């Protein structure tokens, strides 16, 4: 998960340095949108399974939910 996100950010930085704004935007969108959707679904799963824990919610907001 983390390596895929890091690779997408490196690729996006390469597109930015080449001046290719459209591909940079598409790379960021298709890399970060699934991450956000996974985090959102994991927040609801954690709320259904256990009591509210603010640390878990914070980790999901920081995109570190799958590590929990």
PDB file of N, CA and C in Angstrom:
ATOM      1  N   UNK A   1       0.829  -1.201   0.000  1.00  0.00           N
ATOM      2  CA  UNK A   1       0.000   0.000   0.000  1.00  0.00           C
ATOM      3  C   UNK A   1       0.862   1.248   0.000  1.00  0.00           C
ATOM      4  N   UNK A   2       1.814   1.283   0.902  1.00  0.00           N
ATOM      5  CA  UNK A   2       2.656   2.480   1.000  1.00  0.00           C
ATOM      6  C   UNK A   2       3.586   2.599  -0.203  1.00  0.00           C
ATOM      7  N   UNK A   3       4.080   1.486  -0.699  1.00  0.00           N
ATOM      8  CA  UNK A   3       4.971   1.551  -1.862  1.00  0.00           C
ATOM      9  C   UNK A   3       4.211   1.979  -3.114  1.00  0.00           C
ATOM     10  N   UNK A   4       2.959   1.559  -3.238  1.00  0.00           N
ATOM     11  CA  UNK A   4       2.162   1.978  -4.391  1.00  0.00           C
ATOM     12  C   UNK A   4       1.908   3.483  -4.351  1.00  0.00           C
ATOM     13  N   UNK A   5       1.607   3.999  -3.168  1.00  0.00           N
ATOM     14  CA  UNK A   5       1.389   5.433  -3.029  1.00  0.00           C
ATOM     15  C   UNK A   5       2.670   6.215  -3.288  1.00  0.00           C
ATOM     16  N   UNK A   6       3.794   5.708  -2.779  1.00  0.00           N
ATOM     17  CA  UNK A   6       5.080   6.370  -3.011  1.00  0.00           C
ATOM     18  C   UNK A   6       5.442   6.359  -4.496  1.00  0.00           C
ATOM     19  N   UNK A   7       5.180   5.253  -5.175  1.00  0.00           N
ATOM     20  CA  UNK A   7       5.463   5.182  -6.610  1.00  0.00           C
ATOM     21  C   UNK A   7       4.598   6.166  -7.393  1.00  0.00           C
ATOM     22  N   UNK A   8       3.330   6.296  -7.006  1.00  0.00           N
ATOM     23  CA  UNK A   8       2.446   7.250  -7.686  1.00  0.00           C
ATOM     24  C   UNK A   8       2.911   8.686  -7.456  1.00  0.00           C
ATOM     25  N   UNK A   9       3.378   8.977  -6.254  1.00  0.00           N
ATOM     26  CA  UNK A   9       3.872  10.333  -5.981  1.00  0.00           C
ATOM     27  C   UNK A   9       5.154  10.622  -6.757  1.00  0.00           C
ATOM     28  N   UNK A  10       6.039   9.641  -6.873  1.00  0.00           N
ATOM     29  CA  UNK A  10       7.267   9.826  -7.666  1.00  0.00           C
ATOM     30  C   UNK A  10       6.934  10.025  -9.143  1.00  0.00           C
ATOM     31  N   UNK A  11       5.989   9.241  -9.646  1.00  0.00           N
ATOM     32  CA  UNK A  11       5.575   9.381 -11.037  1.00  0.00           C
ATOM     33  C   UNK A  11       4.940  10.748 -11.267  1.00  0.00           C
ATOM     34  N   UNK A  12       4.135  11.181 -10.318  1.00  0.00           N
ATOM     35  CA  UNK A  12       3.510  12.499 -10.427  1.00  0.00           C
ATOM     36  C   UNK A  12       4.557  13.607 -10.417  1.00  0.00           C
ATOM     37  N   UNK A  13       5.583  13.460  -9.586  1.00  0.00           N
ATOM     38  CA  UNK A  13       6.662  14.456  -9.562  1.00  0.00           C
ATOM     39  C   UNK A  13       7.414  14.464 -10.893  1.00  0.00           C
ATOM     40  N   UNK A  14       7.582  13.302 -11.492  1.00  0.00           N
ATOM     41  CA  UNK A  14       8.224  13.233 -12.810  1.00  0.00           C
ATOM     42  C   UNK A  14       7.406  13.931 -13.880  1.00  0.00           C
ATOM     43  N   UNK A  15       6.082  13.737 -13.825  1.00  0.00           N
ATOM     44  CA  UNK A  15       5.216  14.435 -14.780  1.00  0.00           C
ATOM     45  C   UNK A  15       5.260  15.941 -14.556  1.00  0.00           C
ATOM     46  N   UNK A  16       5.341  16.354 -13.296  1.00  0.00           N
ATOM     47  CA  UNK A  16       5.386  17.790 -13.009  1.00  0.00           C
ATOM     48  C   UNK A  16       6.666  18.419 -13.537  1.00  0.00           C
ATOM     49  N   UNK A  17       7.791  17.729 -13.343  1.00  0.00           N
ATOM     50  CA  UNK A  17       9.053  18.282 -13.828  1.00  0.00           C
ATOM     51  C   UNK A  17       9.107  18.310 -15.352  1.00  0.00           C
ATOM     52  N   UNK A  18       8.371  17.411 -15.997  1.00  0.00           N
ATOM     53  CA  UNK A  18       8.312  17.408 -17.455  1.00  0.00           C
ATOM     54  C   UNK A  18       7.300  18.415 -17.986  1.00  0.00           C
ATOM     55  N   UNK A  19       6.514  19.015 -17.084  1.00  0.00           N
ATOM     56  CA  UNK A  19       5.538  20.015 -17.505  1.00  0.00           C
ATOM     57  C   UNK A  19       4.240  19.423 -18.012  1.00  0.00           C
ATOM     58  N   UNK A  20       3.976  18.184 -17.681  1.00  0.00           N
ATOM     59  CA  UNK A  20       2.776  17.491 -18.153  1.00  0.00           C
ATOM     60  C   UNK A  20       1.718  17.504 -17.047  1.00  0.00           C
ATOM     61  N   UNK A  21       0.976  18.612 -16.953  1.00  0.00           N
ATOM     62  CA  UNK A  21       0.024  18.813 -15.852  1.00  0.00           C
ATOM     63  C   UNK A  21      -1.169  17.855 -15.918  1.00  0.00           C
ATOM     64  N   UNK A  22      -1.630  17.515 -17.125  1.00  0.00           N
ATOM     65  CA  UNK A  22      -2.788  16.633 -17.241  1.00  0.00           C
ATOM     66  C   UNK A  22      -2.469  15.251 -16.678  1.00  0.00           C
ATOM     67  N   UNK A  23      -1.319  14.679 -17.045  1.00  0.00           N
ATOM     68  CA  UNK A  23      -0.960  13.350 -16.553  1.00  0.00           C
ATOM     69  C   UNK A  23      -0.655  13.381 -15.062  1.00  0.00           C
ATOM     70  N   UNK A  24      -0.108  14.481 -14.577  1.00  0.00           N
ATOM     71  CA  UNK A  24       0.146  14.602 -13.143  1.00  0.00           C
ATOM     72  C   UNK A  24      -1.178  14.580 -12.373  1.00  0.00           C
ATOM     73  N   UNK A  25      -2.152  15.327 -12.840  1.00  0.00           N
ATOM     74  CA  UNK A  25      -3.453  15.375 -12.181  1.00  0.00           C
ATOM     75  C   UNK A  25      -4.141  14.021 -12.225  1.00  0.00           C
ATOM     76  N   UNK A  26      -4.112  13.369 -13.376  1.00  0.00           N
ATOM     77  CA  UNK A  26      -4.745  12.052 -13.488  1.00  0.00           C
ATOM     78  C   UNK A  26      -4.054  11.016 -12.609  1.00  0.00           C
ATOM     79  N   UNK A  27      -2.727  11.069 -12.537  1.00  0.00           N
ATOM     80  CA  UNK A  27      -1.991  10.136 -11.685  1.00  0.00           C
ATOM     81  C   UNK A  27      -2.362  10.324 -10.226  1.00  0.00           C
ATOM     82  N   UNK A  28      -2.397  11.571  -9.776  1.00  0.00           N
ATOM     83  CA  UNK A  28      -2.772  11.842  -8.387  1.00  0.00           C
ATOM     84  C   UNK A  28      -4.216  11.439  -8.101  1.00  0.00           C
ATOM     85  N   UNK A  29      -5.100  11.713  -9.036  1.00  0.00           N
ATOM     86  CA  UNK A  29      -6.504  11.367  -8.834  1.00  0.00           C
ATOM     87  C   UNK A  29      -6.690   9.861  -8.716  1.00  0.00           C
ATOM     88  N   UNK A  30      -6.127   9.101  -9.664  1.00  0.00           N
ATOM     89  CA  UNK A  30      -6.328   7.655  -9.659  1.00  0.00           C
ATOM     90  C   UNK A  30      -5.494   6.941  -8.597  1.00  0.00           C
ATOM     91  N   UNK A  31      -4.535   7.623  -8.004  1.00  0.00           N
ATOM     92  CA  UNK A  31      -3.770   7.028  -6.909  1.00  0.00           C
ATOM     93  C   UNK A  31      -4.391   7.354  -5.557  1.00  0.00           C
ATOM     94  N   UNK A  32      -4.877   8.566  -5.384  1.00  0.00           N
ATOM     95  CA  UNK A  32      -5.367   8.988  -4.082  1.00  0.00           C
ATOM     96  C   UNK A  32      -6.858   8.758  -3.864  1.00  0.00           C
ATOM     97  N   UNK A  33      -7.649   8.740  -4.914  1.00  0.00           N
ATOM     98  CA  UNK A  33      -9.086   8.509  -4.737  1.00  0.00           C
ATOM     99  C   UNK A  33      -9.375   7.108  -4.191  1.00  0.00           C
ATOM    100  N   UNK A  34      -8.766   6.042  -4.720  1.00  0.00           N
ATOM    101  CA  UNK A  34      -9.007   4.722  -4.114  1.00  0.00           C
ATOM    102  C   UNK A  34      -8.525   4.649  -2.671  1.00  0.00           C
ATOM    103  N   UNK A  35      -7.426   5.330  -2.358  1.00  0.00           N
ATOM    104  CA  UNK A  35      -6.940   5.353  -0.970  1.00  0.00           C
ATOM    105  C   UNK A  35      -7.980   5.983  -0.058  1.00  0.00           C
ATOM    106  N   UNK A  36      -8.541   7.081  -0.493  1.00  0.00           N
ATOM    107  CA  UNK A  36      -9.549   7.760   0.325  1.00  0.00           C
ATOM    108  C   UNK A  36     -10.798   6.895   0.492  1.00  0.00           C
ATOM    109  N   UNK A  37     -11.207   6.205  -0.557  1.00  0.00           N
ATOM    110  CA  UNK A  37     -12.385   5.347  -0.450  1.00  0.00           C
ATOM    111  C   UNK A  37     -12.142   4.155   0.464  1.00  0.00           C
ATOM    112  N   UNK A  38     -10.942   3.586   0.415  1.00  0.00           N
ATOM    113  CA  UNK A  38     -10.603   2.486   1.322  1.00  0.00           C
ATOM    114  C   UNK A  38     -10.617   2.974   2.760  1.00  0.00           C
ATOM    115  N   UNK A  39     -10.045   4.138   3.007  1.00  0.00           N
ATOM    116  CA  UNK A  39     -10.018   4.678   4.362  1.00  0.00           C
ATOM    117  C   UNK A  39     -11.428   4.941   4.869  1.00  0.00           C
ATOM    118  N   UNK A  40     -12.277   5.465   4.012  1.00  0.00           N
ATOM    119  CA  UNK A  40     -13.654   5.749   4.404  1.00  0.00           C
ATOM    120  C   UNK A  40     -14.393   4.473   4.760  1.00  0.00           C
ATOM    121  N   UNK A  41     -14.219   3.437   3.959  1.00  0.00           N
ATOM    122  CA  UNK A  41     -14.897   2.172   4.266  1.00  0.00           C
ATOM    123  C   UNK A  41     -14.332   1.543   5.541  1.00  0.00           C
ATOM    124  N   UNK A  42     -13.025   1.657   5.780  1.00  0.00           N
ATOM    125  CA  UNK A  42     -12.445   1.100   6.997  1.00  0.00           C
ATOM    126  C   UNK A  42     -12.912   1.839   8.244  1.00  0.00           C
ATOM    127  N   UNK A  43     -13.158   3.137   8.121  1.00  0.00           N
ATOM    128  CA  UNK A  43     -13.689   3.887   9.259  1.00  0.00           C
ATOM    129  C   UNK A  43     -15.054   3.330   9.650  1.00  0.00           C
ATOM    130  N   UNK A  44     -15.915   3.062   8.674  1.00  0.00           N
ATOM    131  CA  UNK A  44     -17.237   2.532   8.986  1.00  0.00           C
ATOM    132  C   UNK A  44     -17.155   1.114   9.535  1.00  0.00           C
ATOM    133  N   UNK A  45     -16.223   0.303   9.040  1.00  0.00           N
ATOM    134  CA  UNK A  45     -16.061  -1.054   9.561  1.00  0.00           C
ATOM    135  C   UNK A  45     -15.605  -1.004  11.012  1.00  0.00           C
ATOM    136  N   UNK A  46     -14.654  -0.143  11.330  1.00  0.00           N
ATOM    137  CA  UNK A  46     -14.178  -0.039  12.706  1.00  0.00           C
ATOM    138  C   UNK A  46     -15.270   0.486  13.637  1.00  0.00           C
ATOM    139  N   UNK A  47     -16.096   1.368  13.162  1.00  0.00           N
ATOM    140  CA  UNK A  47     -17.182   1.890  14.006  1.00  0.00           C
ATOM    141  C   UNK A  47     -18.231   0.818  14.258  1.00  0.00           C
ATOM    142  N   UNK A  48     -18.452  -0.062  13.280  1.00  0.00           N
ATOM    143  CA  UNK A  48     -19.438  -1.123  13.476  1.00  0.00           C
ATOM    144  C   UNK A  48     -18.914  -2.211  14.405  1.00  0.00           C
ATOM    145  N   UNK A  49     -17.632  -2.510  14.327  1.00  0.00           N
ATOM    146  CA  UNK A  49     -17.069  -3.627  15.081  1.00  0.00           C
ATOM    147  C   UNK A  49     -16.744  -3.242  16.519  1.00  0.00           C
ATOM    148  N   UNK A  50     -16.209  -2.055  16.734  1.00  0.00           N
ATOM    149  CA  UNK A  50     -15.765  -1.674  18.069  1.00  0.00           C
ATOM    150  C   UNK A  50     -16.298  -0.297  18.441  1.00  0.00           C
ATOM    151  N   UNK A  51     -15.986   0.109  19.641  1.00  0.00           N
ATOM    152  CA  UNK A  51     -16.428   1.427  20.104  1.00  0.00           C
ATOM    153  C   UNK A  51     -15.595   2.512  19.415  1.00  0.00           C
ATOM    154  N   UNK A  52     -16.035   3.743  19.533  1.00  0.00           N
ATOM    155  CA  UNK A  52     -15.329   4.857  18.899  1.00  0.00           C
ATOM    156  C   UNK A  52     -13.958   5.040  19.549  1.00  0.00           C
ATOM    157  N   UNK A  53     -12.937   5.019  18.715  1.00  0.00           N
ATOM    158  CA  UNK A  53     -11.577   5.255  19.185  1.00  0.00           C
ATOM    159  C   UNK A  53     -11.000   6.402  18.367  1.00  0.00           C
ATOM    160  N   UNK A  54     -10.676   7.510  18.996  1.00  0.00           N
ATOM    161  CA  UNK A  54     -10.190   8.669  18.237  1.00  0.00           C
ATOM    162  C   UNK A  54      -8.853   8.424  17.547  1.00  0.00           C
ATOM    163  N   UNK A  55      -7.987   7.576  18.112  1.00  0.00           N
ATOM    164  CA  UNK A  55      -6.698   7.303  17.474  1.00  0.00           C
ATOM    165  C   UNK A  55      -6.888   6.582  16.148  1.00  0.00           C
ATOM    166  N   UNK A  56      -7.798   5.626  16.102  1.00  0.00           N
ATOM    167  CA  UNK A  56      -8.063   4.910  14.849  1.00  0.00           C
ATOM    168  C   UNK A  56      -8.611   5.863  13.802  1.00  0.00           C
ATOM    169  N   UNK A  57      -9.508   6.745  14.208  1.00  0.00           N
ATOM    170  CA  UNK A  57     -10.052   7.730  13.264  1.00  0.00           C
ATOM    171  C   UNK A  57      -8.957   8.653  12.743  1.00  0.00           C
ATOM    172  N   UNK A  58      -8.057   9.083  13.627  1.00  0.00           N
ATOM    173  CA  UNK A  58      -6.948   9.933  13.200  1.00  0.00           C
ATOM    174  C   UNK A  58      -6.042   9.203  12.217  1.00  0.00           C
ATOM    175  N   UNK A  59      -5.745   7.933  12.469  1.00  0.00           N
ATOM    176  CA  UNK A  59      -4.901   7.175  11.550  1.00  0.00           C
ATOM    177  C   UNK A  59      -5.566   7.015  10.186  1.00  0.00           C
ATOM    178  N   UNK A  60      -6.879   6.862  10.166  1.00  0.00           N
ATOM    179  CA  UNK A  60      -7.578   6.779   8.887  1.00  0.00           C
ATOM    180  C   UNK A  60      -7.533   8.111   8.151  1.00  0.00           C
ATOM    181  N   UNK A  61      -7.644   9.203   8.879  1.00  0.00           N
ATOM    182  CA  UNK A  61      -7.569  10.513   8.235  1.00  0.00           C
ATOM    183  C   UNK A  61      -6.181  10.783   7.677  1.00  0.00           C
ATOM    184  N   UNK A  62      -5.154  10.197   8.292  1.00  0.00           N
ATOM    185  CA  UNK A  62      -3.781  10.355   7.799  1.00  0.00           C
ATOM    186  C   UNK A  62      -3.410   9.300   6.758  1.00  0.00           C
ATOM    187  N   UNK A  63      -4.402   8.535   6.294  1.00  0.00           N
ATOM    188  CA  UNK A  63      -4.225   7.500   5.279  1.00  0.00           C
ATOM    189  C   UNK A  63      -3.348   6.346   5.777  1.00  0.00           C
ATOM    190  N   UNK A  64      -3.336   6.095   7.077  1.00  0.00           N
ATOM    191  CA  UNK A  64      -2.557   5.005   7.651  1.00  0.00           C
ATOM    192  C   UNK A  64      -3.458   3.912   8.218  1.00  0.00           C
ATOM    193  N   UNK A  65      -4.714   3.903   7.852  1.00  0.00           N
ATOM    194  CA  UNK A  65      -5.664   2.923   8.379  1.00  0.00           C
ATOM    195  C   UNK A  65      -5.316   1.466   8.107  1.00  0.00           C
ATOM    196  N   UNK A  66      -4.844   1.096   6.899  1.00  0.00           N
ATOM    197  CA  UNK A  66      -4.529  -0.304   6.659  1.00  0.00           C
ATOM    198  C   UNK A  66      -3.405  -0.840   7.541  1.00  0.00           C
ATOM    199  N   UNK A  67      -2.585   0.046   8.095  1.00  0.00           N
ATOM    200  CA  UNK A  67      -1.531  -0.423   8.983  1.00  0.00           C
ATOM    201  C   UNK A  67      -2.081  -0.832  10.337  1.00  0.00           C
ATOM    202  N   UNK A  68      -3.270  -0.330  10.689  1.00  0.00           N
ATOM    203  CA  UNK A  68      -3.909  -0.721  11.950  1.00  0.00           C
ATOM    204  C   UNK A  68      -4.442  -2.103  11.748  1.00  0.00           C
TER     205      UNK A  68
END
